[in-house]
Amino acid sequence: MPEASSPLALDVAVRGAALDILTINHSRQPMRVWDRSNSWGWETLALELGVSRRSEDCYPLTGKPIAFTRNGPGFTEIPPGGMQRVTVSAGNPEWNGIERIEHLRSQTLWVRACLRIRPSPEAETYGIFVGEVSSPRRESQPPHRWLFT
């Protein structure tokens, strides 16, 4: 379900060695989001991991900063009723904060994806969605091959 004021919704699907993060457009018009292949989009996606479905005690993971040797404000346009899929696998991306969850390797984890796009002159120029959307928490059974190498 989309958040009350958001035309976008997020969902997560755990598929063994991969985690799919789906951005779904519930509006009647195309929505643009930054691609993760540039500096505007790289830090827009984060994960929250917990050992309970309802736990507010979560471990946030953000992508480690990377240097872009060539950069431009690239985006994806999601059509009405359409979706964008981002696939995460172990080491891609490398996560800040992963060392804090090493002790949870053998436990069931609950994962939630968060999309946060901040206002910027470029977002305004290109008509990019600005706001925050989170997915429901989804269960991931060990060995969490999508997360740990």
C-alpha atoms as a PDB file:
ATOM      1  CA  MET A   1       0.000   0.000   0.000  1.00  0.00           C
ATOM      2  CA  PRO A   2       1.344   3.452  -0.772  1.00  0.00           C
ATOM      3  CA  GLU A   3       1.836   5.875   2.071  1.00  0.00           C
ATOM      4  CA  ALA A   4      -1.130   8.241   2.383  1.00  0.00           C
ATOM      5  CA  SER A   5       0.476  11.222   0.659  1.00  0.00           C
ATOM      6  CA  SER A   6       2.846   9.403  -1.682  1.00  0.00           C
ATOM      7  CA  PRO A   7       2.195   8.382  -5.274  1.00  0.00           C
ATOM      8  CA  LEU A   8       4.994   5.820  -4.901  1.00  0.00           C
ATOM      9  CA  ALA A   9       5.195   2.634  -2.850  1.00  0.00           C
ATOM     10  CA  LEU A  10       8.113   0.328  -2.101  1.00  0.00           C
ATOM     11  CA  ASP A  11       8.172  -3.429  -1.692  1.00  0.00           C
ATOM     12  CA  VAL A  12      10.923  -5.959  -1.070  1.00  0.00           C
ATOM     13  CA  ALA A  13      11.272  -9.527  -2.327  1.00  0.00           C
ATOM     14  CA  VAL A  14      13.974 -11.832  -0.930  1.00  0.00           C
ATOM     15  CA  ARG A  15      15.148 -14.295  -3.606  1.00  0.00           C
ATOM     16  CA  GLY A  16      18.005 -16.358  -2.160  1.00  0.00           C
ATOM     17  CA  ALA A  17      21.143 -14.586  -3.372  1.00  0.00           C
ATOM     18  CA  ALA A  18      19.299 -11.410  -4.363  1.00  0.00           C
ATOM     19  CA  LEU A  19      16.997  -8.842  -2.836  1.00  0.00           C
ATOM     20  CA  ASP A  20      14.637  -7.046  -5.205  1.00  0.00           C
ATOM     21  CA  ILE A  21      13.470  -3.581  -4.236  1.00  0.00           C
ATOM     22  CA  LEU A  22      10.410  -2.528  -6.203  1.00  0.00           C
ATOM     23  CA  THR A  23       9.353   1.094  -6.601  1.00  0.00           C
ATOM     24  CA  ILE A  24       5.715   1.108  -7.683  1.00  0.00           C
ATOM     25  CA  ASN A  25       3.903   4.077  -9.208  1.00  0.00           C
ATOM     26  CA  HIS A  26       0.305   4.192  -7.927  1.00  0.00           C
ATOM     27  CA  SER A  27      -0.434   7.555  -9.527  1.00  0.00           C
ATOM     28  CA  ARG A  28      -2.069   8.338 -12.851  1.00  0.00           C
ATOM     29  CA  GLN A  29       0.989  10.136 -14.174  1.00  0.00           C
ATOM     30  CA  PRO A  30       4.600   9.148 -14.822  1.00  0.00           C
ATOM     31  CA  MET A  31       6.910   9.527 -11.812  1.00  0.00           C
ATOM     32  CA  ARG A  32      10.665  10.056 -12.011  1.00  0.00           C
ATOM     33  CA  VAL A  33      13.222   8.758  -9.515  1.00  0.00           C
ATOM     34  CA  TRP A  34      16.987   9.139  -9.577  1.00  0.00           C
ATOM     35  CA  ASP A  35      19.034   6.247 -10.973  1.00  0.00           C
ATOM     36  CA  ARG A  36      21.520   4.809  -8.499  1.00  0.00           C
ATOM     37  CA  SER A  37      24.214   5.063 -11.179  1.00  0.00           C
ATOM     38  CA  ASN A  38      24.882   8.736 -10.380  1.00  0.00           C
ATOM     39  CA  SER A  39      25.583  10.848  -7.314  1.00  0.00           C
ATOM     40  CA  TRP A  40      22.019  12.180  -7.093  1.00  0.00           C
ATOM     41  CA  GLY A  41      20.604   8.657  -6.785  1.00  0.00           C
ATOM     42  CA  TRP A  42      23.332   6.627  -5.105  1.00  0.00           C
ATOM     43  CA  GLU A  43      22.387   7.491  -1.522  1.00  0.00           C
ATOM     44  CA  THR A  44      18.601   7.480  -2.012  1.00  0.00           C
ATOM     45  CA  LEU A  45      18.184   3.810  -1.109  1.00  0.00           C
ATOM     46  CA  ALA A  46      18.734   2.373   2.385  1.00  0.00           C
ATOM     47  CA  LEU A  47      17.811  -0.785   4.262  1.00  0.00           C
ATOM     48  CA  GLU A  48      16.633  -1.337   7.816  1.00  0.00           C
ATOM     49  CA  LEU A  49      17.207  -4.769   9.345  1.00  0.00           C
ATOM     50  CA  GLY A  50      15.726  -6.136  12.541  1.00  0.00           C
ATOM     51  CA  VAL A  51      15.214  -9.466  14.287  1.00  0.00           C
ATOM     52  CA  SER A  52      11.496  -8.901  14.782  1.00  0.00           C
ATOM     53  CA  ARG A  53       8.786  -7.926  12.326  1.00  0.00           C
ATOM     54  CA  ARG A  54       7.528  -5.212  14.651  1.00  0.00           C
ATOM     55  CA  SER A  55      10.827  -4.260  16.240  1.00  0.00           C
ATOM     56  CA  GLU A  56      11.662  -0.584  16.242  1.00  0.00           C
ATOM     57  CA  ASP A  57      15.207  -1.628  17.144  1.00  0.00           C
ATOM     58  CA  CYS A  58      16.567  -1.671  13.599  1.00  0.00           C
ATOM     59  CA  TYR A  59      20.017  -1.618  12.089  1.00  0.00           C
ATOM     60  CA  PRO A  60      20.194   0.926   9.264  1.00  0.00           C
ATOM     61  CA  LEU A  61      22.371   0.161   6.250  1.00  0.00           C
ATOM     62  CA  THR A  62      23.348   2.788   3.702  1.00  0.00           C
ATOM     63  CA  GLY A  63      25.502   2.368   0.622  1.00  0.00           C
ATOM     64  CA  LYS A  64      29.137   3.242   1.133  1.00  0.00           C
ATOM     65  CA  PRO A  65      30.055   6.412  -0.730  1.00  0.00           C
ATOM     66  CA  ILE A  66      31.621   5.898  -4.122  1.00  0.00           C
ATOM     67  CA  ALA A  67      33.473   8.256  -6.435  1.00  0.00           C
ATOM     68  CA  PHE A  68      31.814   8.898  -9.760  1.00  0.00           C
ATOM     69  CA  THR A  69      34.375   9.533 -12.482  1.00  0.00           C
ATOM     70  CA  ARG A  70      31.635  10.668 -14.847  1.00  0.00           C
ATOM     71  CA  ASN A  71      28.401  12.022 -13.473  1.00  0.00           C
ATOM     72  CA  GLY A  72      25.099  13.397 -14.684  1.00  0.00           C
ATOM     73  CA  PRO A  73      21.628  13.587 -13.199  1.00  0.00           C
ATOM     74  CA  GLY A  74      20.158  10.372 -14.650  1.00  0.00           C
ATOM     75  CA  PHE A  75      16.684   9.186 -13.756  1.00  0.00           C
ATOM     76  CA  THR A  76      14.122   6.492 -14.476  1.00  0.00           C
ATOM     77  CA  GLU A  77      10.576   7.393 -15.400  1.00  0.00           C
ATOM     78  CA  ILE A  78       8.059   4.929 -13.974  1.00  0.00           C
ATOM     79  CA  PRO A  79       4.801   4.886 -15.953  1.00  0.00           C
ATOM     80  CA  PRO A  80       1.405   4.982 -14.223  1.00  0.00           C
ATOM     81  CA  GLY A  81       0.826   1.555 -12.648  1.00  0.00           C
ATOM     82  CA  GLY A  82       4.414   0.586 -13.501  1.00  0.00           C
ATOM     83  CA  MET A  83       7.426  -0.279 -11.379  1.00  0.00           C
ATOM     84  CA  GLN A  84      11.193  -0.077 -11.216  1.00  0.00           C
ATOM     85  CA  ARG A  85      13.252  -3.012  -9.900  1.00  0.00           C
ATOM     86  CA  VAL A  86      16.607  -2.550  -8.158  1.00  0.00           C
ATOM     87  CA  THR A  87      18.430  -5.775  -7.329  1.00  0.00           C
ATOM     88  CA  VAL A  88      20.801  -5.949  -4.373  1.00  0.00           C
ATOM     89  CA  SER A  89      23.278  -8.788  -3.897  1.00  0.00           C
ATOM     90  CA  ALA A  90      26.118  -9.497  -1.474  1.00  0.00           C
ATOM     91  CA  GLY A  91      28.756  -6.804  -1.902  1.00  0.00           C
ATOM     92  CA  ASN A  92      26.662  -4.841  -4.414  1.00  0.00           C
ATOM     93  CA  PRO A  93      26.412  -2.323  -2.982  1.00  0.00           C
ATOM     94  CA  GLU A  94      28.821  -2.375  -0.100  1.00  0.00           C
ATOM     95  CA  TRP A  95      26.934  -1.280   3.011  1.00  0.00           C
ATOM     96  CA  ASN A  96      27.899   1.113   5.785  1.00  0.00           C
ATOM     97  CA  GLY A  97      26.953  -0.510   9.077  1.00  0.00           C
ATOM     98  CA  ILE A  98      27.158  -4.155   7.971  1.00  0.00           C
ATOM     99  CA  GLU A  99      29.820  -4.889  10.601  1.00  0.00           C
ATOM    100  CA  ARG A 100      27.206  -4.179  13.304  1.00  0.00           C
ATOM    101  CA  ILE A 101      25.008  -7.053  12.107  1.00  0.00           C
ATOM    102  CA  GLU A 102      27.605  -9.815  11.628  1.00  0.00           C
ATOM    103  CA  HIS A 103      26.305 -11.459  14.814  1.00  0.00           C
ATOM    104  CA  LEU A 104      22.868 -11.821  13.180  1.00  0.00           C
ATOM    105  CA  ARG A 105      24.017 -14.024  10.274  1.00  0.00           C
ATOM    106  CA  SER A 106      22.260 -17.124  11.616  1.00  0.00           C
ATOM    107  CA  GLN A 107      19.036 -15.413  12.690  1.00  0.00           C
ATOM    108  CA  THR A 108      15.847 -14.669  10.797  1.00  0.00           C
ATOM    109  CA  LEU A 109      15.967 -11.030   9.720  1.00  0.00           C
ATOM    110  CA  TRP A 110      13.211  -8.639   8.785  1.00  0.00           C
ATOM    111  CA  VAL A 111      14.217  -6.233   6.028  1.00  0.00           C
ATOM    112  CA  ARG A 112      12.620  -2.965   4.976  1.00  0.00           C
ATOM    113  CA  ALA A 113      13.745  -0.738   2.116  1.00  0.00           C
ATOM    114  CA  CYS A 114      13.619   3.044   2.361  1.00  0.00           C
ATOM    115  CA  LEU A 115      13.702   5.506  -0.516  1.00  0.00           C
ATOM    116  CA  ARG A 116      14.625   9.072   0.448  1.00  0.00           C
ATOM    117  CA  ILE A 117      14.955  11.702  -2.238  1.00  0.00           C
ATOM    118  CA  ARG A 118      15.849  15.159  -0.984  1.00  0.00           C
ATOM    119  CA  PRO A 119      14.846  18.402  -2.674  1.00  0.00           C
ATOM    120  CA  SER A 120      17.516  19.862  -4.920  1.00  0.00           C
ATOM    121  CA  PRO A 121      17.706  22.250  -7.871  1.00  0.00           C
ATOM    122  CA  GLU A 122      18.305  19.203 -10.122  1.00  0.00           C
ATOM    123  CA  ALA A 123      15.242  17.376  -8.749  1.00  0.00           C
ATOM    124  CA  GLU A 124      13.141  20.428  -9.525  1.00  0.00           C
ATOM    125  CA  THR A 125      14.633  20.833 -13.000  1.00  0.00           C
ATOM    126  CA  TYR A 126      14.045  17.189 -13.975  1.00  0.00           C
ATOM    127  CA  GLY A 127      10.697  16.727 -12.185  1.00  0.00           C
ATOM    128  CA  ILE A 128      12.013  14.078  -9.781  1.00  0.00           C
ATOM    129  CA  PHE A 129       9.810  12.693  -6.993  1.00  0.00           C
ATOM    130  CA  VAL A 130      10.892  14.233  -3.669  1.00  0.00           C
ATOM    131  CA  GLY A 131      10.005  12.541  -0.403  1.00  0.00           C
ATOM    132  CA  GLU A 132      10.343   9.354   1.635  1.00  0.00           C
ATOM    133  CA  VAL A 133       8.733   5.959   1.126  1.00  0.00           C
ATOM    134  CA  SER A 134       9.328   2.707   3.050  1.00  0.00           C
ATOM    135  CA  SER A 135       8.401  -0.867   2.228  1.00  0.00           C
ATOM    136  CA  PRO A 136       6.717  -3.320   4.560  1.00  0.00           C
ATOM    137  CA  ARG A 137       9.157  -5.528   6.473  1.00  0.00           C
ATOM    138  CA  ARG A 138       9.830  -8.845   4.732  1.00  0.00           C
ATOM    139  CA  GLU A 139      11.322 -11.986   6.219  1.00  0.00           C
ATOM    140  CA  SER A 140      14.777 -13.199   5.205  1.00  0.00           C
ATOM    141  CA  GLN A 141      15.877 -16.636   6.364  1.00  0.00           C
ATOM    142  CA  PRO A 142      19.567 -17.443   6.915  1.00  0.00           C
ATOM    143  CA  PRO A 143      22.069 -17.634   5.312  1.00  0.00           C
ATOM    144  CA  HIS A 144      21.077 -14.207   3.833  1.00  0.00           C
ATOM    145  CA  ARG A 145      23.176 -14.736   0.701  1.00  0.00           C
ATOM    146  CA  TRP A 146      21.880 -11.449  -0.706  1.00  0.00           C
ATOM    147  CA  LEU A 147      23.582  -9.584   2.154  1.00  0.00           C
ATOM    148  CA  PHE A 148      26.681 -11.483   3.315  1.00  0.00           C
ATOM    149  CA  THR A 149      29.531 -12.664   1.110  1.00  0.00           C
END
